[in-house]
Protein backbone atom coordinates (compact mmCIF):
# COMPACT_ATOMS: atom_id res chain seq x y z
CA MET A 1 -163.74 39.06 3.54
CA LYS A 2 -161.43 38.71 6.51
CA LEU A 3 -162.34 36.21 9.22
CA THR A 4 -162.95 37.95 12.53
CA ALA A 5 -164.53 37.00 15.85
CA LYS A 6 -167.67 38.88 14.79
CA ASN A 7 -168.34 37.24 11.41
CA ILE A 8 -167.42 33.63 12.22
CA LYS A 9 -170.46 31.36 12.57
CA LYS A 10 -168.84 27.94 13.00
CA ARG A 11 -166.25 28.02 15.76
CA SER A 12 -166.01 24.32 16.64
CA ILE A 13 -164.83 22.24 13.69
CA PHE A 14 -164.95 18.47 14.18
CA PHE A 15 -163.19 16.12 11.78
CA VAL A 16 -163.80 12.44 11.12
CA PRO A 17 -160.26 11.29 10.19
CA GLU A 18 -161.05 8.09 8.24
CA ASP A 19 -161.48 8.79 4.49
CA VAL A 20 -161.31 12.54 5.17
CA LEU A 21 -157.88 13.30 6.67
CA PHE A 22 -156.24 10.04 5.65
CA SER A 23 -157.00 7.28 3.17
CA GLY A 24 -159.47 4.56 4.11
CA ASP A 25 -161.83 2.02 2.61
CA VAL A 26 -163.78 4.65 0.65
CA ASN A 27 -161.28 7.34 -0.32
CA LYS A 28 -158.03 5.50 -0.98
CA SER A 29 -156.15 8.53 -2.26
CA VAL A 30 -156.52 11.35 0.27
CA SER A 31 -154.02 14.07 -0.63
CA ARG A 32 -151.66 14.79 2.27
CA GLU A 33 -150.73 18.05 0.59
CA LYS A 34 -154.35 19.26 0.49
CA VAL A 35 -155.04 18.12 4.04
CA ASP A 36 -151.93 19.77 5.47
CA LEU A 37 -152.64 23.00 3.58
CA VAL A 38 -156.20 23.30 4.90
CA LEU A 39 -155.34 22.20 8.44
CA SER A 40 -152.42 24.66 8.56
CA PHE A 41 -154.84 27.43 7.59
CA LEU A 42 -157.30 26.33 10.27
CA LYS A 43 -154.54 25.96 12.86
CA ASP A 44 -153.58 29.58 12.23
CA LEU A 45 -157.18 30.64 12.94
CA LYS A 46 -157.09 28.50 16.06
CA SER A 47 -153.90 30.24 17.25
CA GLN A 48 -155.75 33.55 16.88
CA GLY A 49 -158.51 32.23 19.15
CA LEU A 50 -161.09 32.36 16.38
CA ILE A 51 -161.95 28.64 16.12
CA GLU A 52 -161.27 25.34 17.85
CA LEU A 53 -160.39 22.08 16.09
CA PHE A 54 -161.47 18.61 17.17
CA LEU A 55 -160.73 15.10 15.93
CA ILE A 56 -163.05 12.15 16.59
CA SER A 57 -162.13 8.60 15.65
CA GLY A 58 -164.49 5.73 16.37
CA ARG A 59 -161.60 3.26 16.18
CA GLU A 60 -160.05 1.45 19.12
CA LYS A 61 -157.55 3.80 20.81
CA SER A 62 -154.28 2.03 19.95
CA ARG A 63 -155.28 1.72 16.27
CA ALA A 64 -156.41 5.32 16.08
CA GLU A 65 -153.25 6.60 17.79
CA SER A 66 -150.99 4.76 15.35
CA GLU A 67 -152.87 6.12 12.32
CA ILE A 68 -152.89 9.67 13.65
CA ALA A 69 -149.17 9.49 14.46
CA ALA A 70 -148.34 8.02 11.05
CA THR A 71 -150.04 10.94 9.28
CA GLY A 72 -148.75 13.64 11.63
CA LEU A 73 -152.25 14.92 12.38
CA GLU A 74 -151.62 15.42 16.09
CA LYS A 75 -149.73 18.66 15.41
CA PHE A 76 -152.95 20.33 14.26
CA PHE A 77 -155.10 19.43 17.29
CA ARG A 78 -154.85 19.99 21.01
CA LYS A 79 -154.31 16.69 22.80
CA GLU A 80 -157.51 17.18 24.81
CA ASN A 81 -159.46 17.69 21.56
CA ILE A 82 -158.54 14.30 20.08
CA PHE A 83 -161.17 11.69 20.95
CA MET A 84 -160.62 7.96 20.47
CA LEU A 85 -162.50 4.88 21.61
CA THR A 86 -161.53 4.08 25.19
CA ASP A 87 -162.03 1.08 27.47
CA SER A 88 -164.32 3.16 29.70
CA TYR A 89 -166.61 3.96 26.76
CA ILE A 90 -166.78 0.28 25.77
CA ALA A 91 -167.48 -0.70 29.39
CA SER A 92 -170.34 1.82 29.53
CA LYS A 93 -172.21 0.05 26.73
CA GLU A 94 -175.17 -2.20 27.39
CA GLU A 95 -174.08 -5.84 27.55
CA THR A 96 -175.58 -6.74 24.16
CA ASP A 97 -174.00 -3.70 22.48
CA ARG A 98 -170.66 -4.41 24.16
CA GLU A 99 -170.65 -8.01 22.96
CA ARG A 100 -171.58 -6.89 19.46
CA TYR A 101 -168.73 -4.37 19.46
CA ILE A 102 -166.17 -6.93 20.66
CA SER A 103 -167.39 -9.39 18.01
CA ASN A 104 -167.04 -6.75 15.25
CA LEU A 105 -163.58 -5.80 16.50
CA GLN A 106 -162.46 -9.43 16.37
CA LYS A 107 -163.60 -9.64 12.76
CA ASP A 108 -162.06 -6.29 11.82
CA PRO A 109 -159.33 -4.66 13.99
CA PHE A 110 -160.08 -1.35 12.26
CA PHE A 111 -163.82 -1.47 13.00
CA VAL A 112 -165.33 1.98 13.59
CA ASP A 113 -167.93 2.56 16.29
CA GLU A 114 -170.00 5.19 14.50
CA PHE A 115 -172.11 6.16 17.52
CA PHE A 116 -168.99 7.13 19.48
CA LYS A 117 -168.77 10.31 17.40
CA GLN A 118 -172.27 11.29 18.48
CA ARG A 119 -171.55 10.46 22.11
CA VAL A 120 -168.57 12.86 22.07
CA LEU A 121 -170.66 15.61 20.50
CA MET A 122 -173.61 15.12 22.85
CA ASP A 123 -171.36 15.07 25.94
CA LEU A 124 -169.58 18.27 24.88
CA ILE A 125 -172.89 20.02 24.26
CA ALA A 126 -174.31 18.83 27.59
CA SER A 127 -171.23 20.00 29.49
CA GLY A 128 -171.21 23.41 27.78
CA GLY A 129 -167.91 22.66 26.06
CA ILE A 130 -169.39 23.68 22.71
CA LEU A 131 -172.53 25.37 21.43
CA ARG A 132 -174.57 23.19 19.07
CA GLU A 133 -175.26 26.05 16.65
CA GLU A 134 -171.54 26.92 16.41
CA ALA A 135 -170.37 23.35 15.74
CA VAL A 136 -170.02 21.39 12.50
CA LEU A 137 -168.89 17.85 11.76
CA VAL A 138 -166.80 17.31 8.63
CA GLY A 139 -167.33 13.73 7.43
CA HIS A 140 -167.89 11.83 4.22
CA ASP A 141 -170.74 9.32 4.67
CA LEU A 142 -174.36 10.37 4.17
CA TRP A 143 -175.69 7.79 6.62
CA LEU A 144 -172.96 7.36 9.23
CA ASP A 145 -171.81 10.99 9.43
CA GLY A 146 -174.86 12.79 8.07
CA PHE A 147 -178.00 10.98 9.22
CA TYR A 148 -176.53 9.91 12.58
CA THR A 149 -175.43 13.48 13.33
CA SER A 150 -178.79 14.93 12.35
CA ARG A 151 -180.63 12.27 14.33
CA PHE A 152 -178.60 12.23 17.55
CA SER A 153 -176.40 15.26 18.33
CA GLY A 154 -178.24 17.70 16.06
CA VAL A 155 -174.97 19.36 15.05
CA ASP A 156 -174.59 20.67 11.51
CA PHE A 157 -172.54 18.53 9.16
CA VAL A 158 -170.89 18.74 5.74
CA LEU A 159 -169.54 15.91 3.63
CA VAL A 160 -166.29 15.93 1.68
CA ARG A 161 -167.20 15.35 -1.96
CA GLU A 162 -164.14 13.26 -2.84
CA GLY A 163 -164.94 10.61 -0.23
CA PHE A 164 -168.72 10.68 -0.48
CA SER A 165 -170.31 7.36 0.41
CA GLU A 166 -173.45 5.69 1.69
CA ARG A 167 -172.77 3.23 4.52
CA ASN A 168 -169.10 3.25 3.52
CA VAL A 169 -169.87 2.30 -0.07
CA PRO A 170 -168.42 4.88 -2.51
CA SER A 171 -171.04 6.68 -4.55
CA SER A 172 -170.61 9.11 -7.44
CA GLU A 173 -174.33 9.95 -7.38
CA ILE A 174 -174.72 12.69 -4.79
CA PRO A 175 -178.32 13.90 -4.24
CA LYS A 176 -178.65 17.54 -5.31
CA TRP A 177 -179.89 18.60 -1.87
CA VAL A 178 -176.80 17.23 -0.07
CA HIS A 179 -174.30 19.96 0.72
CA CYS A 180 -170.78 18.73 -0.03
CA ILE A 181 -167.49 20.61 0.07
CA ASP A 182 -164.14 20.19 -1.59
CA PHE A 183 -161.10 20.00 0.66
CA THR A 184 -159.95 23.54 -0.11
CA ILE A 185 -159.30 26.67 1.94
CA ASP A 186 -162.05 28.54 0.06
CA ASP A 187 -164.70 25.95 0.92
CA PHE A 188 -163.64 25.89 4.56
CA LYS A 189 -163.82 29.68 4.66
CA SER A 190 -167.40 29.43 3.39
CA LEU A 191 -168.11 26.82 6.04
CA ILE A 192 -166.75 28.96 8.87
CA PHE A 193 -168.58 32.06 7.60
CA GLY A 194 -171.81 30.06 7.70
CA LYS A 195 -172.40 30.46 3.98
CA ILE A 196 -173.00 26.74 3.41
CA GLN A 197 -176.69 26.05 3.81
CA LYS A 198 -177.80 23.80 6.66
CA GLN A 199 -178.78 20.29 5.56
CA ASP A 200 -182.51 19.64 5.35
CA ALA A 201 -183.08 17.08 8.14
CA LYS A 202 -186.55 16.09 6.91
CA MET A 203 -185.35 15.52 3.36
CA LEU A 204 -182.41 13.46 4.63
CA GLU A 205 -184.65 11.37 6.88
CA SER A 206 -187.12 10.79 4.05
CA TYR A 207 -184.30 9.71 1.75
CA ILE A 208 -182.87 7.26 4.31
CA PHE A 209 -186.22 5.75 5.27
CA ARG A 210 -187.22 5.39 1.62
CA LYS A 211 -184.05 3.43 0.90
CA LEU A 212 -184.51 1.28 3.99
CA SER A 213 -188.09 0.45 3.04
CA ARG A 214 -186.91 -0.76 -0.37
CA GLU A 215 -184.33 -3.02 1.24
CA LEU A 216 -186.58 -4.41 3.94
CA VAL A 217 -189.66 -4.96 1.77
CA ASP A 218 -189.75 -6.75 -1.57
CA PRO A 219 -190.64 -4.20 -4.33
CA LYS A 220 -193.60 -6.32 -5.53
CA GLU A 221 -194.84 -6.72 -1.98
CA LEU A 222 -194.46 -2.99 -1.40
CA ALA A 223 -196.39 -2.22 -4.60
CA GLY A 224 -199.18 -4.55 -3.43
CA MET A 225 -199.29 -2.85 -0.04
CA VAL A 226 -199.53 0.57 -1.68
CA GLN A 227 -202.39 -0.61 -3.91
CA LYS A 228 -204.28 -1.97 -0.90
CA VAL A 229 -203.84 1.29 1.00
CA GLN A 230 -204.99 3.30 -2.02
CA ALA A 231 -207.99 1.01 -2.50
CA LYS A 232 -209.03 1.36 1.15
CA ARG A 233 -208.57 5.11 0.95
CA SER A 234 -210.78 5.26 -2.16
CA GLU A 235 -213.42 3.13 -0.44
CA GLY A 236 -213.34 5.45 2.53
CA GLU A 237 -213.72 8.51 0.33
CA SER A 238 -216.64 6.94 -1.56
CA THR A 239 -218.42 6.00 1.66
CA PHE A 240 -217.96 9.50 3.03
CA THR A 241 -219.36 11.01 -0.17
CA ASP A 242 -222.37 8.70 -0.23
CA THR A 243 -223.16 9.35 3.40
CA ASN A 244 -223.23 13.10 2.82
CA LYS A 245 -225.41 13.08 -0.26
């Protein structure tokens, strides 16, 4: 099927560059050939006025600029559609958040401010620059790209299978309900046509919270808490039954 203005569902394609368009901590072997092939295809659609391409990096501007220049990515995106962490954004943070960011940056010059991606998306939606239902974020991390996007901006997202991770830790075990794509023209066609099913926000949230509860509460303690709740529930049911005899 030919892509036309009438059958395109996703017109605003946002890319997270780290571990998707160039190698990073998770995907250390991003194929430049694959990336250039897909982006050239998308750029052609952009030149026809069918879609718009965006790039969002949560890295400090000078670091992001050098990485983007080194990989030649700027030729695929309009200058005004490339978003990088700026001094004004950092200054807009609450004092505690700003200090935390500066501390993280001192420890790691390539630190990524994950919420910056959501701020860009939310601002564009609020200003009418994009329509939420026509936008999609292409990332790789289930928590930082998936859960954050679902939770904050509400934009659809897909994750690149090759760089799939959870909190930037590579994982080969991808939950069956997570919709991943390969970095191929065919998969991006399916994405633009709207053939890739929307992620289940409730299932994602349940998965994240379940993992967090295991980390924050000792398994034995959690089992004890569950038993107590079940016991109280049983007592309540028994009392109700006796009262209504």
